[in-house]
N, C-alpha and C. Protein backbone atom coordinates (compact mmCIF):
# COMPACT_ATOMS: atom_id res chain seq x y z
N MET A 1 -21.19 -58.79 -16.40
CA MET A 1 -19.80 -58.44 -16.57
C MET A 1 -19.64 -57.11 -17.30
N GLY A 2 -20.51 -56.86 -18.32
CA GLY A 2 -20.45 -55.63 -19.08
C GLY A 2 -20.79 -54.41 -18.23
N LYS A 3 -21.80 -54.57 -17.35
CA LYS A 3 -22.20 -53.46 -16.48
C LYS A 3 -21.08 -53.15 -15.50
N TRP A 4 -20.47 -54.20 -14.94
CA TRP A 4 -19.37 -54.01 -13.99
C TRP A 4 -18.21 -53.30 -14.66
N SER A 5 -17.88 -53.64 -15.90
CA SER A 5 -16.78 -53.02 -16.64
C SER A 5 -17.07 -51.54 -16.89
N LEU A 6 -18.30 -51.22 -17.23
CA LEU A 6 -18.68 -49.83 -17.46
C LEU A 6 -18.55 -49.01 -16.18
N VAL A 7 -19.03 -49.55 -15.07
CA VAL A 7 -18.93 -48.85 -13.78
C VAL A 7 -17.47 -48.67 -13.40
N MET A 8 -16.67 -49.72 -13.56
CA MET A 8 -15.24 -49.64 -13.22
C MET A 8 -14.54 -48.62 -14.12
N CYS A 9 -14.87 -48.58 -15.38
CA CYS A 9 -14.29 -47.62 -16.31
C CYS A 9 -14.65 -46.19 -15.91
N LEU A 10 -15.90 -45.96 -15.53
CA LEU A 10 -16.32 -44.63 -15.08
C LEU A 10 -15.60 -44.21 -13.81
N LYS A 11 -15.42 -45.17 -12.88
CA LYS A 11 -14.70 -44.86 -11.64
C LYS A 11 -13.25 -44.51 -11.94
N LEU A 12 -12.61 -45.25 -12.82
CA LEU A 12 -11.22 -44.96 -13.18
C LEU A 12 -11.10 -43.59 -13.84
N CYS A 13 -12.06 -43.27 -14.70
CA CYS A 13 -12.07 -41.94 -15.35
C CYS A 13 -12.23 -40.83 -14.31
N LEU A 14 -13.09 -41.06 -13.34
CA LEU A 14 -13.30 -40.07 -12.28
C LEU A 14 -12.03 -39.87 -11.46
N VAL A 15 -11.40 -40.97 -11.05
CA VAL A 15 -10.16 -40.89 -10.28
C VAL A 15 -9.08 -40.20 -11.10
N TRP A 16 -8.96 -40.54 -12.37
CA TRP A 16 -7.95 -39.93 -13.23
C TRP A 16 -8.21 -38.43 -13.37
N SER A 17 -9.46 -38.03 -13.56
CA SER A 17 -9.77 -36.61 -13.73
C SER A 17 -9.52 -35.83 -12.46
N LEU A 18 -9.78 -36.43 -11.30
CA LEU A 18 -9.49 -35.75 -10.04
C LEU A 18 -7.99 -35.59 -9.84
N GLY A 19 -7.24 -36.58 -10.26
CA GLY A 19 -5.79 -36.52 -10.12
C GLY A 19 -5.14 -35.52 -11.04
N THR A 20 -5.77 -35.22 -12.15
CA THR A 20 -5.17 -34.29 -13.11
C THR A 20 -5.83 -32.92 -13.09
N ALA A 21 -6.84 -32.73 -12.27
CA ALA A 21 -7.50 -31.42 -12.18
C ALA A 21 -6.52 -30.39 -11.65
N THR A 22 -6.60 -29.17 -12.18
CA THR A 22 -5.72 -28.11 -11.71
C THR A 22 -6.56 -26.98 -11.12
N TYR A 23 -5.93 -26.23 -10.30
CA TYR A 23 -6.58 -25.09 -9.67
C TYR A 23 -6.11 -23.78 -10.30
N TYR A 24 -5.36 -23.86 -11.39
CA TYR A 24 -4.85 -22.66 -12.04
C TYR A 24 -4.78 -22.89 -13.54
N GLN A 25 -4.59 -21.81 -14.25
CA GLN A 25 -4.30 -21.89 -15.67
C GLN A 25 -3.40 -20.72 -16.03
N SER A 26 -2.55 -20.91 -17.00
CA SER A 26 -1.67 -19.85 -17.46
C SER A 26 -2.44 -18.92 -18.38
N LEU A 27 -2.30 -17.63 -18.15
CA LEU A 27 -2.99 -16.62 -18.95
C LEU A 27 -1.98 -15.57 -19.38
N THR A 28 -2.37 -14.77 -20.32
CA THR A 28 -1.59 -13.60 -20.70
C THR A 28 -2.45 -12.37 -20.41
N PRO A 29 -1.83 -11.21 -20.24
CA PRO A 29 -2.63 -10.00 -20.00
C PRO A 29 -3.66 -9.75 -21.10
N THR A 30 -3.33 -10.08 -22.34
CA THR A 30 -4.26 -9.89 -23.46
C THR A 30 -5.52 -10.72 -23.28
N LEU A 31 -5.37 -11.97 -22.83
CA LEU A 31 -6.53 -12.83 -22.59
C LEU A 31 -7.44 -12.26 -21.50
N MET A 32 -6.87 -11.50 -20.59
CA MET A 32 -7.64 -10.90 -19.50
C MET A 32 -8.25 -9.55 -19.90
N GLY A 33 -8.00 -9.12 -21.13
CA GLY A 33 -8.57 -7.86 -21.60
C GLY A 33 -7.66 -6.67 -21.38
N PHE A 34 -6.44 -6.89 -20.89
CA PHE A 34 -5.50 -5.79 -20.69
C PHE A 34 -4.75 -5.54 -21.99
N ARG A 35 -4.57 -4.29 -22.28
CA ARG A 35 -3.85 -3.95 -23.50
C ARG A 35 -2.40 -3.66 -23.15
N GLU A 36 -1.90 -2.54 -23.54
CA GLU A 36 -0.50 -2.26 -23.28
C GLU A 36 -0.27 -1.76 -21.86
N GLU A 37 0.91 -2.05 -21.36
CA GLU A 37 1.28 -1.60 -20.02
C GLU A 37 1.59 -0.10 -20.06
N LYS A 38 1.21 0.59 -18.98
CA LYS A 38 1.42 2.04 -18.89
C LYS A 38 2.46 2.33 -17.81
N PHE A 39 3.05 3.50 -17.90
CA PHE A 39 3.96 3.99 -16.87
C PHE A 39 3.45 5.37 -16.45
N THR A 40 3.14 5.53 -15.17
CA THR A 40 2.55 6.78 -14.67
C THR A 40 3.39 7.35 -13.54
N HIS A 41 3.57 8.68 -13.57
CA HIS A 41 4.22 9.39 -12.47
C HIS A 41 3.15 10.19 -11.74
N LEU A 42 3.05 10.00 -10.44
CA LEU A 42 2.11 10.76 -9.60
C LEU A 42 2.91 11.61 -8.62
N HIS A 43 2.43 12.81 -8.36
CA HIS A 43 3.09 13.71 -7.41
C HIS A 43 2.02 14.34 -6.52
N PHE A 44 2.18 14.22 -5.20
CA PHE A 44 1.22 14.78 -4.27
C PHE A 44 1.86 14.92 -2.90
N TYR A 45 1.09 15.46 -1.95
CA TYR A 45 1.57 15.67 -0.58
C TYR A 45 0.70 14.89 0.39
N PHE A 46 1.36 14.33 1.38
CA PHE A 46 0.77 13.46 2.41
C PHE A 46 0.79 14.27 3.70
N HIS A 47 -0.37 14.46 4.34
CA HIS A 47 -0.46 15.28 5.55
C HIS A 47 -0.70 14.37 6.76
N ASP A 48 0.34 14.16 7.56
CA ASP A 48 0.26 13.33 8.77
C ASP A 48 0.08 14.29 9.95
N VAL A 49 -1.15 14.41 10.43
CA VAL A 49 -1.49 15.42 11.45
C VAL A 49 -1.81 14.75 12.78
N VAL A 50 -1.05 15.14 13.79
CA VAL A 50 -1.26 14.63 15.15
C VAL A 50 -2.04 15.64 15.98
N SER A 51 -1.78 16.92 15.76
CA SER A 51 -2.34 17.98 16.59
C SER A 51 -3.76 18.34 16.18
N GLY A 52 -4.41 19.12 17.02
CA GLY A 52 -5.73 19.63 16.72
C GLY A 52 -6.85 18.66 17.07
N PRO A 53 -8.08 19.09 16.80
CA PRO A 53 -9.24 18.29 17.20
C PRO A 53 -9.51 17.08 16.30
N ASN A 54 -8.91 17.05 15.11
CA ASN A 54 -9.20 15.97 14.16
C ASN A 54 -7.90 15.40 13.58
N PRO A 55 -7.11 14.69 14.40
CA PRO A 55 -5.85 14.15 13.89
C PRO A 55 -6.09 13.09 12.81
N SER A 56 -5.14 12.99 11.87
CA SER A 56 -5.26 12.00 10.80
C SER A 56 -4.47 10.73 11.11
N MET A 57 -3.79 10.71 12.24
CA MET A 57 -3.09 9.51 12.69
C MET A 57 -3.23 9.39 14.20
N VAL A 58 -3.33 8.15 14.67
CA VAL A 58 -3.42 7.91 16.11
C VAL A 58 -2.55 6.71 16.47
N ILE A 59 -1.97 6.78 17.66
CA ILE A 59 -1.19 5.65 18.17
C ILE A 59 -2.17 4.61 18.68
N VAL A 60 -2.04 3.37 18.18
CA VAL A 60 -2.95 2.30 18.60
C VAL A 60 -2.26 1.28 19.51
N ALA A 61 -0.93 1.31 19.56
CA ALA A 61 -0.18 0.43 20.47
C ALA A 61 1.16 1.09 20.79
N GLU A 62 1.56 0.98 22.06
CA GLU A 62 2.82 1.56 22.51
C GLU A 62 3.64 0.52 23.24
N PRO A 63 4.97 0.71 23.29
CA PRO A 63 5.79 -0.22 24.07
C PRO A 63 5.51 -0.06 25.56
N ASN A 64 5.77 -1.10 26.31
CA ASN A 64 5.58 -1.04 27.77
C ASN A 64 6.62 -0.12 28.39
N GLY A 65 6.29 0.46 29.51
CA GLY A 65 7.22 1.32 30.23
C GLY A 65 7.08 2.77 29.84
N LYS A 66 7.87 3.61 30.52
CA LYS A 66 7.82 5.04 30.25
C LYS A 66 8.79 5.38 29.13
N VAL A 67 8.25 5.87 28.04
CA VAL A 67 9.05 6.22 26.88
C VAL A 67 8.73 7.66 26.51
N LYS A 68 9.77 8.46 26.33
CA LYS A 68 9.57 9.87 26.00
C LYS A 68 9.28 10.08 24.51
N ASP A 69 9.86 9.26 23.66
CA ASP A 69 9.72 9.42 22.22
C ASP A 69 8.34 8.96 21.76
N ALA A 70 7.65 9.81 21.00
CA ALA A 70 6.30 9.48 20.52
C ALA A 70 6.30 8.28 19.59
N LEU A 71 7.40 8.07 18.87
CA LEU A 71 7.48 6.92 17.96
C LEU A 71 8.59 5.97 18.40
N ALA A 72 8.59 5.61 19.67
CA ALA A 72 9.58 4.68 20.20
C ALA A 72 9.42 3.31 19.56
N PHE A 73 10.48 2.53 19.58
CA PHE A 73 10.47 1.17 19.02
C PHE A 73 9.26 0.40 19.55
N GLY A 74 8.48 -0.17 18.64
CA GLY A 74 7.30 -0.94 19.02
C GLY A 74 5.99 -0.19 18.90
N THR A 75 6.04 1.11 18.68
CA THR A 75 4.81 1.90 18.54
C THR A 75 4.12 1.57 17.21
N VAL A 76 2.81 1.42 17.26
CA VAL A 76 2.02 1.16 16.05
C VAL A 76 1.01 2.29 15.88
N VAL A 77 0.93 2.82 14.68
CA VAL A 77 0.09 3.97 14.37
C VAL A 77 -0.89 3.62 13.25
N ALA A 78 -2.14 4.04 13.40
CA ALA A 78 -3.13 3.93 12.31
C ALA A 78 -3.26 5.31 11.67
N MET A 79 -3.36 5.33 10.35
CA MET A 79 -3.43 6.62 9.66
C MET A 79 -4.57 6.66 8.65
N ASP A 80 -5.06 7.85 8.46
CA ASP A 80 -6.07 8.18 7.45
C ASP A 80 -5.72 9.58 6.97
N ASP A 81 -4.57 9.68 6.28
CA ASP A 81 -3.97 10.96 5.93
C ASP A 81 -4.44 11.46 4.56
N PRO A 82 -4.83 12.75 4.48
CA PRO A 82 -5.20 13.29 3.18
C PRO A 82 -3.99 13.39 2.25
N LEU A 83 -4.25 13.18 0.96
CA LEU A 83 -3.26 13.38 -0.10
C LEU A 83 -3.73 14.59 -0.90
N THR A 84 -2.86 15.58 -1.05
CA THR A 84 -3.27 16.83 -1.70
C THR A 84 -2.35 17.18 -2.86
N VAL A 85 -2.85 18.03 -3.75
CA VAL A 85 -2.08 18.49 -4.91
C VAL A 85 -0.90 19.33 -4.47
N GLY A 86 -1.09 20.21 -3.49
CA GLY A 86 -0.04 21.08 -3.00
C GLY A 86 0.22 20.83 -1.52
N PRO A 87 1.24 21.47 -0.95
CA PRO A 87 1.57 21.25 0.46
C PRO A 87 0.66 21.98 1.44
N GLU A 88 -0.13 22.92 0.97
CA GLU A 88 -1.00 23.70 1.85
C GLU A 88 -2.14 22.83 2.37
N ALA A 89 -2.56 23.10 3.60
CA ALA A 89 -3.64 22.33 4.22
C ALA A 89 -4.95 22.45 3.44
N ASP A 90 -5.16 23.59 2.77
CA ASP A 90 -6.40 23.79 2.01
C ASP A 90 -6.26 23.44 0.53
N SER A 91 -5.16 22.80 0.16
CA SER A 91 -4.96 22.38 -1.22
C SER A 91 -5.97 21.29 -1.59
N LYS A 92 -6.23 21.12 -2.88
CA LYS A 92 -7.22 20.14 -3.35
C LYS A 92 -6.82 18.73 -2.92
N VAL A 93 -7.77 18.03 -2.29
CA VAL A 93 -7.56 16.64 -1.85
C VAL A 93 -7.81 15.72 -3.04
N VAL A 94 -6.86 14.82 -3.30
CA VAL A 94 -7.01 13.86 -4.40
C VAL A 94 -7.18 12.43 -3.89
N GLY A 95 -7.01 12.24 -2.59
CA GLY A 95 -7.17 10.90 -2.03
C GLY A 95 -6.75 10.84 -0.58
N LYS A 96 -6.58 9.60 -0.11
CA LYS A 96 -6.17 9.37 1.28
C LYS A 96 -5.15 8.25 1.33
N ALA A 97 -4.21 8.36 2.27
CA ALA A 97 -3.29 7.27 2.57
C ALA A 97 -3.84 6.61 3.83
N GLN A 98 -4.26 5.38 3.71
CA GLN A 98 -4.87 4.67 4.83
C GLN A 98 -4.07 3.41 5.11
N GLY A 99 -3.81 3.17 6.40
CA GLY A 99 -3.06 1.98 6.76
C GLY A 99 -2.44 2.12 8.13
N ILE A 100 -1.32 1.43 8.30
CA ILE A 100 -0.61 1.46 9.57
C ILE A 100 0.88 1.63 9.32
N TYR A 101 1.56 2.16 10.32
CA TYR A 101 3.02 2.10 10.32
C TYR A 101 3.47 1.80 11.74
N ALA A 102 4.60 1.12 11.81
CA ALA A 102 5.13 0.70 13.10
C ALA A 102 6.60 1.08 13.18
N SER A 103 7.02 1.50 14.37
CA SER A 103 8.43 1.82 14.61
C SER A 103 9.19 0.50 14.73
N ILE A 104 10.19 0.29 13.85
CA ILE A 104 10.83 -1.02 13.73
C ILE A 104 12.30 -1.06 14.12
N SER A 105 12.88 0.05 14.50
CA SER A 105 14.31 0.06 14.80
C SER A 105 14.57 0.56 16.21
N GLN A 106 15.50 -0.11 16.89
CA GLN A 106 15.90 0.33 18.22
C GLN A 106 17.01 1.37 18.17
N GLU A 107 17.71 1.46 17.03
CA GLU A 107 18.84 2.37 16.92
C GLU A 107 18.51 3.70 16.24
N GLU A 108 17.63 3.67 15.25
CA GLU A 108 17.31 4.89 14.51
C GLU A 108 15.81 4.95 14.24
N MET A 109 15.35 6.09 13.76
CA MET A 109 13.92 6.26 13.50
C MET A 109 13.56 5.58 12.18
N GLY A 110 13.00 4.39 12.29
CA GLY A 110 12.61 3.63 11.10
C GLY A 110 11.19 3.12 11.25
N LEU A 111 10.44 3.20 10.18
CA LEU A 111 9.05 2.75 10.20
C LEU A 111 8.84 1.66 9.16
N MET A 112 7.92 0.76 9.45
CA MET A 112 7.43 -0.20 8.46
C MET A 112 6.09 0.35 8.01
N MET A 113 6.00 0.71 6.73
CA MET A 113 4.79 1.32 6.18
C MET A 113 3.96 0.24 5.48
N VAL A 114 2.69 0.18 5.84
CA VAL A 114 1.72 -0.69 5.17
C VAL A 114 0.53 0.22 4.88
N MET A 115 0.47 0.70 3.64
CA MET A 115 -0.59 1.68 3.35
C MET A 115 -1.15 1.51 1.95
N THR A 116 -2.39 1.92 1.83
CA THR A 116 -3.06 1.99 0.55
C THR A 116 -3.37 3.45 0.28
N MET A 117 -2.95 3.91 -0.88
CA MET A 117 -3.28 5.26 -1.31
C MET A 117 -4.53 5.16 -2.17
N ALA A 118 -5.63 5.63 -1.61
CA ALA A 118 -6.94 5.53 -2.28
C ALA A 118 -7.27 6.87 -2.91
N PHE A 119 -7.41 6.88 -4.23
CA PHE A 119 -7.66 8.13 -4.95
C PHE A 119 -9.16 8.38 -5.05
N THR A 120 -9.55 9.62 -4.76
CA THR A 120 -10.97 9.96 -4.67
C THR A 120 -11.43 11.01 -5.68
N HIS A 121 -10.51 11.52 -6.49
CA HIS A 121 -10.86 12.54 -7.47
C HIS A 121 -10.05 12.35 -8.75
N GLY A 122 -10.56 12.91 -9.83
CA GLY A 122 -9.81 12.93 -11.08
C GLY A 122 -9.82 11.61 -11.83
N ASP A 123 -8.84 11.46 -12.71
CA ASP A 123 -8.75 10.28 -13.58
C ASP A 123 -8.64 8.96 -12.82
N PHE A 124 -8.12 9.00 -11.61
CA PHE A 124 -7.88 7.77 -10.86
C PHE A 124 -8.88 7.55 -9.72
N ASN A 125 -9.99 8.28 -9.75
CA ASN A 125 -11.03 8.14 -8.72
C ASN A 125 -11.45 6.67 -8.59
N GLY A 126 -11.40 6.15 -7.37
CA GLY A 126 -11.77 4.76 -7.11
C GLY A 126 -10.63 3.77 -7.22
N SER A 127 -9.48 4.21 -7.69
CA SER A 127 -8.31 3.34 -7.83
C SER A 127 -7.42 3.44 -6.61
N THR A 128 -6.61 2.41 -6.38
CA THR A 128 -5.69 2.42 -5.24
C THR A 128 -4.30 1.97 -5.65
N ILE A 129 -3.33 2.36 -4.83
CA ILE A 129 -1.95 1.87 -4.94
C ILE A 129 -1.53 1.43 -3.55
N SER A 130 -0.94 0.24 -3.46
CA SER A 130 -0.51 -0.30 -2.17
C SER A 130 1.00 -0.23 -2.03
N VAL A 131 1.45 0.24 -0.86
CA VAL A 131 2.87 0.39 -0.56
C VAL A 131 3.19 -0.47 0.66
N LEU A 132 4.29 -1.19 0.59
CA LEU A 132 4.77 -2.00 1.71
C LEU A 132 6.28 -1.84 1.75
N ALA A 133 6.80 -1.17 2.78
CA ALA A 133 8.23 -0.90 2.78
C ALA A 133 8.73 -0.34 4.10
N ARG A 134 10.03 -0.42 4.25
CA ARG A 134 10.76 0.22 5.35
C ARG A 134 10.95 1.69 4.97
N ASN A 135 10.78 2.58 5.95
CA ASN A 135 10.89 4.02 5.73
C ASN A 135 11.76 4.60 6.83
N MET A 136 13.03 4.84 6.53
CA MET A 136 13.98 5.38 7.51
C MET A 136 13.87 6.90 7.49
N ILE A 137 12.91 7.42 8.24
CA ILE A 137 12.49 8.82 8.07
C ILE A 137 13.51 9.87 8.48
N MET A 138 14.43 9.56 9.36
CA MET A 138 15.38 10.58 9.80
C MET A 138 16.77 10.40 9.19
N SER A 139 17.11 9.24 8.69
CA SER A 139 18.48 9.01 8.21
C SER A 139 18.64 9.17 6.70
N GLN A 140 17.54 9.29 5.98
CA GLN A 140 17.63 9.44 4.53
C GLN A 140 16.75 10.60 4.09
N PRO A 141 17.32 11.59 3.39
CA PRO A 141 16.50 12.73 2.97
C PRO A 141 15.39 12.33 1.99
N VAL A 142 15.69 11.39 1.09
CA VAL A 142 14.68 10.87 0.17
C VAL A 142 14.61 9.37 0.40
N ARG A 143 13.43 8.91 0.77
CA ARG A 143 13.25 7.48 1.05
C ARG A 143 12.53 6.82 -0.12
N GLU A 144 12.91 5.59 -0.39
CA GLU A 144 12.29 4.84 -1.48
C GLU A 144 11.53 3.66 -0.91
N MET A 145 10.29 3.49 -1.37
CA MET A 145 9.43 2.42 -0.88
C MET A 145 8.82 1.66 -2.05
N ALA A 146 8.58 0.38 -1.85
CA ALA A 146 8.05 -0.48 -2.92
C ALA A 146 6.55 -0.32 -3.10
N ILE A 147 6.13 -0.21 -4.34
CA ILE A 147 4.72 -0.30 -4.70
C ILE A 147 4.47 -1.76 -5.04
N VAL A 148 3.55 -2.39 -4.31
CA VAL A 148 3.37 -3.84 -4.43
C VAL A 148 2.05 -4.25 -5.08
N GLY A 149 1.20 -3.29 -5.42
CA GLY A 149 -0.06 -3.65 -6.05
C GLY A 149 -0.96 -2.46 -6.21
N GLY A 150 -2.14 -2.73 -6.75
CA GLY A 150 -3.11 -1.67 -6.95
C GLY A 150 -4.41 -2.23 -7.47
N THR A 151 -5.41 -1.35 -7.54
CA THR A 151 -6.72 -1.72 -8.06
C THR A 151 -7.19 -0.67 -9.06
N GLY A 152 -8.26 -0.98 -9.77
CA GLY A 152 -8.83 -0.03 -10.73
C GLY A 152 -7.84 0.29 -11.83
N ALA A 153 -7.55 1.56 -12.04
CA ALA A 153 -6.61 1.98 -13.08
C ALA A 153 -5.20 1.47 -12.81
N PHE A 154 -4.93 1.03 -11.59
CA PHE A 154 -3.59 0.58 -11.21
C PHE A 154 -3.50 -0.94 -11.00
N ARG A 155 -4.33 -1.70 -11.70
CA ARG A 155 -4.23 -3.16 -11.59
C ARG A 155 -2.83 -3.62 -11.98
N PHE A 156 -2.34 -4.60 -11.26
CA PHE A 156 -1.00 -5.15 -11.47
C PHE A 156 0.09 -4.10 -11.25
N ALA A 157 -0.18 -3.10 -10.41
CA ALA A 157 0.78 -2.03 -10.18
C ALA A 157 2.06 -2.57 -9.54
N ARG A 158 3.15 -2.00 -9.99
CA ARG A 158 4.45 -2.24 -9.38
C ARG A 158 5.31 -1.03 -9.68
N GLY A 159 6.25 -0.77 -8.80
CA GLY A 159 7.09 0.39 -8.99
C GLY A 159 7.66 0.83 -7.66
N TYR A 160 7.87 2.13 -7.54
CA TYR A 160 8.42 2.65 -6.29
C TYR A 160 7.88 4.04 -6.00
N ALA A 161 7.90 4.36 -4.71
CA ALA A 161 7.50 5.69 -4.24
C ALA A 161 8.71 6.35 -3.61
N GLN A 162 8.90 7.61 -3.86
CA GLN A 162 9.93 8.39 -3.18
C GLN A 162 9.24 9.39 -2.27
N ALA A 163 9.71 9.47 -1.04
CA ALA A 163 9.13 10.38 -0.06
C ALA A 163 10.21 11.26 0.53
N LYS A 164 9.88 12.54 0.71
CA LYS A 164 10.79 13.44 1.42
C LYS A 164 9.95 14.45 2.18
N PHE A 165 10.47 14.88 3.32
CA PHE A 165 9.75 15.85 4.13
C PHE A 165 9.65 17.18 3.39
N HIS A 166 8.45 17.72 3.36
CA HIS A 166 8.26 19.10 2.90
C HIS A 166 8.38 20.01 4.12
N SER A 167 7.72 19.61 5.21
CA SER A 167 7.83 20.35 6.47
C SER A 167 7.49 19.42 7.63
N VAL A 168 8.10 19.71 8.77
CA VAL A 168 7.85 18.93 9.99
C VAL A 168 7.76 19.91 11.16
N ASP A 169 6.74 19.75 11.99
CA ASP A 169 6.62 20.52 13.23
C ASP A 169 6.88 19.54 14.37
N PHE A 170 8.13 19.51 14.84
CA PHE A 170 8.50 18.53 15.86
C PHE A 170 7.78 18.76 17.18
N SER A 171 7.40 20.01 17.49
CA SER A 171 6.70 20.26 18.75
C SER A 171 5.29 19.66 18.73
N LYS A 172 4.63 19.68 17.58
CA LYS A 172 3.28 19.13 17.46
C LYS A 172 3.28 17.68 16.97
N GLY A 173 4.30 17.31 16.21
CA GLY A 173 4.35 15.97 15.62
C GLY A 173 3.75 15.90 14.24
N ASP A 174 3.36 17.05 13.68
CA ASP A 174 2.75 17.08 12.35
C ASP A 174 3.82 17.07 11.26
N ALA A 175 3.51 16.42 10.14
CA ALA A 175 4.46 16.38 9.02
C ALA A 175 3.70 16.43 7.70
N ILE A 176 4.30 17.13 6.76
CA ILE A 176 3.82 17.12 5.38
C ILE A 176 4.94 16.49 4.56
N VAL A 177 4.60 15.42 3.85
CA VAL A 177 5.59 14.65 3.11
C VAL A 177 5.27 14.73 1.62
N GLU A 178 6.28 15.06 0.82
CA GLU A 178 6.11 15.11 -0.63
C GLU A 178 6.37 13.72 -1.20
N TYR A 179 5.45 13.24 -2.02
CA TYR A 179 5.56 11.90 -2.62
C TYR A 179 5.64 12.00 -4.14
N ASP A 180 6.53 11.20 -4.71
CA ASP A 180 6.59 10.95 -6.14
C ASP A 180 6.47 9.45 -6.33
N LEU A 181 5.45 9.02 -7.08
CA LEU A 181 5.25 7.60 -7.35
C LEU A 181 5.52 7.34 -8.82
N PHE A 182 6.25 6.27 -9.09
CA PHE A 182 6.57 5.83 -10.44
C PHE A 182 5.99 4.43 -10.58
N VAL A 183 4.93 4.30 -11.40
CA VAL A 183 4.10 3.10 -11.39
C VAL A 183 3.95 2.49 -12.78
N ASN A 184 4.26 1.21 -12.89
CA ASN A 184 3.90 0.41 -14.07
C ASN A 184 2.57 -0.24 -13.77
N HIS A 185 1.64 -0.22 -14.73
CA HIS A 185 0.32 -0.81 -14.51
C HIS A 185 -0.37 -1.00 -15.85
N TYR A 186 -1.49 -1.70 -15.82
CA TYR A 186 -2.29 -1.91 -17.04
C TYR A 186 -3.48 -0.99 -17.05
């Protein structure tokens, strides 16, 4: 009887522990080794190049039928665009904007941006900032997009990015976009 009671008690303890086990725990940034939160402003230029022998963006999916507009509704583009200190093509490269954007509006030129800005030089080398947002490129002179995350120096990043055209060559499809990022991070 004593052995049976011990086995039954162990089984009940096991069932109880499985029922109360959790897959999470509450933490604070301090417990994770993060100190004070920082606020950083970044300013750079994004070069979206279609023309020439080495384009930084390519169309990977197009809508069915004959469409004259290069970014017609339904078009999906992959990008690997350089980020530079200045607007000139030979300006110092500080990183790359890598991701996709898709044309999302039937009425106006609107894009859904899904991109990671990967920094390759300077204080933020190896760090990234992720942007996920609607970008109404022709109807708003300054567009605002959400910063939804980051890695490295930008862990727990949140904030917003402002984008405005520096220059556009409509005949070639090339654009240089000025970006200002306002980022809270640890």
